[in-house]
């Protein structure tokens, strides 16, 4: 019972982190939110890194569930 509940919270946390990484990628690449802090080239690079890591985490969740 406890392992099943722990697994459920792990899934929720994993999906939340995928959404956060995707949101950060969107903010970095498509908005001017970080414009004063980072130049465009670095924003795009960091955005791609966040996006790829979010996809990797989503793949690990998918692979672990099915």
N, C-alpha and C. Protein backbone atom coordinates (compact mmCIF):
# COMPACT_ATOMS: atom_id res chain seq x y z
N UNK A 1 0.82 -1.19 0.00
CA UNK A 1 0.00 0.00 0.00
C UNK A 1 0.87 1.26 0.00
N UNK A 2 1.89 1.28 0.86
CA UNK A 2 2.75 2.45 0.94
C UNK A 2 3.56 2.61 -0.34
N UNK A 3 4.05 1.48 -0.89
CA UNK A 3 4.82 1.55 -2.14
C UNK A 3 3.96 2.09 -3.28
N UNK A 4 2.68 1.68 -3.33
CA UNK A 4 1.78 2.15 -4.38
C UNK A 4 1.53 3.66 -4.23
N UNK A 5 1.35 4.11 -3.00
CA UNK A 5 1.14 5.54 -2.75
C UNK A 5 2.40 6.34 -3.08
N UNK A 6 3.57 5.80 -2.75
CA UNK A 6 4.82 6.45 -3.07
C UNK A 6 5.00 6.56 -4.58
N UNK A 7 4.63 5.50 -5.29
CA UNK A 7 4.74 5.49 -6.74
C UNK A 7 3.80 6.53 -7.36
N UNK A 8 2.63 6.69 -6.79
CA UNK A 8 1.66 7.67 -7.28
C UNK A 8 2.21 9.09 -7.12
N UNK A 9 2.79 9.39 -5.97
CA UNK A 9 3.37 10.71 -5.76
C UNK A 9 4.60 10.94 -6.63
N UNK A 10 5.35 9.88 -6.89
CA UNK A 10 6.49 9.97 -7.79
C UNK A 10 6.05 10.32 -9.20
N UNK A 11 4.94 9.74 -9.65
CA UNK A 11 4.40 10.05 -10.96
C UNK A 11 3.94 11.50 -11.03
N UNK A 12 3.23 11.94 -10.02
CA UNK A 12 2.75 13.34 -9.98
C UNK A 12 3.94 14.29 -9.99
N UNK A 13 4.94 14.02 -9.19
CA UNK A 13 6.14 14.87 -9.14
C UNK A 13 6.86 14.88 -10.49
N UNK A 14 6.98 13.72 -11.11
CA UNK A 14 7.65 13.62 -12.40
C UNK A 14 6.93 14.41 -13.48
N UNK A 15 5.61 14.30 -13.54
CA UNK A 15 4.83 15.04 -14.53
C UNK A 15 4.92 16.54 -14.26
N UNK A 16 4.87 16.93 -13.00
CA UNK A 16 5.01 18.35 -12.65
C UNK A 16 6.35 18.89 -13.11
N UNK A 17 7.40 18.13 -12.92
CA UNK A 17 8.73 18.59 -13.34
C UNK A 17 8.83 18.69 -14.86
N UNK A 18 8.20 17.78 -15.58
CA UNK A 18 8.18 17.86 -17.05
C UNK A 18 7.48 19.15 -17.48
N UNK A 19 6.38 19.48 -16.84
CA UNK A 19 5.66 20.71 -17.16
C UNK A 19 6.51 21.94 -16.83
N UNK A 20 7.21 21.91 -15.71
CA UNK A 20 8.07 23.04 -15.33
C UNK A 20 9.21 23.21 -16.33
N UNK A 21 9.85 22.11 -16.73
CA UNK A 21 10.93 22.22 -17.71
C UNK A 21 10.41 22.71 -19.05
N UNK A 22 9.26 22.24 -19.46
CA UNK A 22 8.66 22.73 -20.71
C UNK A 22 8.30 24.20 -20.62
N UNK A 23 7.78 24.61 -19.48
CA UNK A 23 7.44 26.02 -19.27
C UNK A 23 8.68 26.91 -19.29
N UNK A 24 9.74 26.44 -18.67
CA UNK A 24 10.99 27.22 -18.69
C UNK A 24 11.53 27.33 -20.10
N UNK A 25 11.45 26.25 -20.86
CA UNK A 25 11.91 26.30 -22.25
C UNK A 25 11.10 27.31 -23.04
N UNK A 26 9.80 27.31 -22.83
CA UNK A 26 8.93 28.27 -23.53
C UNK A 26 9.29 29.70 -23.13
N UNK A 27 9.44 29.95 -21.84
CA UNK A 27 9.78 31.29 -21.37
C UNK A 27 11.12 31.77 -21.92
N UNK A 28 12.08 30.88 -21.96
CA UNK A 28 13.41 31.26 -22.44
C UNK A 28 13.43 31.54 -23.94
N UNK A 29 12.73 30.73 -24.72
CA UNK A 29 12.83 30.84 -26.17
C UNK A 29 11.84 31.85 -26.75
N UNK A 30 10.60 31.85 -26.28
CA UNK A 30 9.55 32.59 -26.97
C UNK A 30 9.08 33.87 -26.29
N UNK A 31 9.58 34.19 -25.12
CA UNK A 31 9.15 35.42 -24.47
C UNK A 31 10.36 36.30 -24.15
N UNK A 32 10.09 37.52 -23.75
CA UNK A 32 11.16 38.45 -23.39
C UNK A 32 11.37 38.49 -21.88
N UNK A 33 10.90 37.48 -21.18
CA UNK A 33 10.97 37.46 -19.72
C UNK A 33 12.41 37.53 -19.20
N UNK A 34 13.33 36.85 -19.86
CA UNK A 34 14.73 36.83 -19.43
C UNK A 34 15.62 37.72 -20.29
N UNK A 35 15.01 38.61 -21.04
CA UNK A 35 15.75 39.43 -21.99
C UNK A 35 16.82 40.30 -21.33
N UNK A 36 16.53 40.83 -20.16
CA UNK A 36 17.48 41.70 -19.47
C UNK A 36 18.64 40.91 -18.84
N UNK A 37 18.46 39.62 -18.65
CA UNK A 37 19.46 38.82 -17.97
C UNK A 37 20.37 38.08 -18.95
N UNK A 38 19.78 37.51 -20.00
CA UNK A 38 20.54 36.67 -20.93
C UNK A 38 20.39 37.18 -22.36
N UNK A 39 21.46 37.14 -23.13
CA UNK A 39 21.33 37.47 -24.54
C UNK A 39 20.53 36.37 -25.28
N UNK A 40 20.04 36.70 -26.45
CA UNK A 40 19.18 35.80 -27.21
C UNK A 40 19.82 34.43 -27.46
N UNK A 41 21.08 34.41 -27.83
CA UNK A 41 21.73 33.14 -28.13
C UNK A 41 21.75 32.22 -26.91
N UNK A 42 22.06 32.76 -25.74
CA UNK A 42 22.07 31.94 -24.53
C UNK A 42 20.67 31.50 -24.14
N UNK A 43 19.70 32.37 -24.33
CA UNK A 43 18.31 31.99 -24.02
C UNK A 43 17.88 30.82 -24.88
N UNK A 44 18.23 30.86 -26.16
CA UNK A 44 17.86 29.76 -27.04
C UNK A 44 18.58 28.47 -26.64
N UNK A 45 19.86 28.57 -26.34
CA UNK A 45 20.62 27.38 -25.92
C UNK A 45 20.04 26.78 -24.65
N UNK A 46 19.82 27.62 -23.64
CA UNK A 46 19.26 27.11 -22.38
C UNK A 46 17.85 26.58 -22.59
N UNK A 47 17.07 27.24 -23.43
CA UNK A 47 15.72 26.77 -23.73
C UNK A 47 15.72 25.40 -24.36
N UNK A 48 16.63 25.17 -25.29
CA UNK A 48 16.74 23.85 -25.93
C UNK A 48 17.17 22.80 -24.92
N UNK A 49 18.10 23.16 -24.04
CA UNK A 49 18.53 22.21 -23.00
C UNK A 49 17.36 21.85 -22.09
N UNK A 50 16.61 22.85 -21.64
CA UNK A 50 15.44 22.58 -20.79
C UNK A 50 14.42 21.71 -21.53
N UNK A 51 14.18 22.01 -22.79
CA UNK A 51 13.22 21.24 -23.57
C UNK A 51 13.66 19.79 -23.72
N UNK A 52 14.92 19.58 -24.07
CA UNK A 52 15.42 18.22 -24.23
C UNK A 52 15.39 17.44 -22.92
N UNK A 53 15.73 18.10 -21.82
CA UNK A 53 15.70 17.41 -20.53
C UNK A 53 14.26 17.09 -20.12
N UNK A 54 13.33 17.98 -20.42
CA UNK A 54 11.92 17.70 -20.15
C UNK A 54 11.42 16.51 -20.96
N UNK A 55 11.83 16.44 -22.24
CA UNK A 55 11.45 15.30 -23.07
C UNK A 55 12.06 14.01 -22.52
N UNK A 56 13.32 14.09 -22.10
CA UNK A 56 13.99 12.92 -21.51
C UNK A 56 13.26 12.44 -20.25
N UNK A 57 12.88 13.36 -19.40
CA UNK A 57 12.15 12.98 -18.18
C UNK A 57 10.79 12.38 -18.51
N UNK A 58 10.11 12.96 -19.50
CA UNK A 58 8.81 12.42 -19.91
C UNK A 58 8.98 11.00 -20.46
N UNK A 59 10.04 10.78 -21.22
CA UNK A 59 10.31 9.44 -21.75
C UNK A 59 10.56 8.45 -20.61
N UNK A 60 11.30 8.86 -19.60
CA UNK A 60 11.57 7.96 -18.47
C UNK A 60 10.28 7.63 -17.71
N UNK A 61 9.39 8.62 -17.58
CA UNK A 61 8.10 8.35 -16.92
C UNK A 61 7.30 7.38 -17.77
N UNK A 62 7.23 7.63 -19.07
CA UNK A 62 6.48 6.77 -19.98
C UNK A 62 7.04 5.35 -19.97
N UNK A 63 8.35 5.23 -20.05
CA UNK A 63 8.99 3.92 -20.07
C UNK A 63 8.76 3.17 -18.76
N UNK A 64 8.78 3.86 -17.65
CA UNK A 64 8.59 3.23 -16.36
C UNK A 64 7.16 2.80 -16.09
N UNK A 65 6.21 3.43 -16.77
CA UNK A 65 4.79 3.13 -16.53
C UNK A 65 4.24 2.05 -17.43
N UNK A 66 4.76 1.94 -18.65
CA UNK A 66 4.14 1.04 -19.63
C UNK A 66 5.11 0.04 -20.16
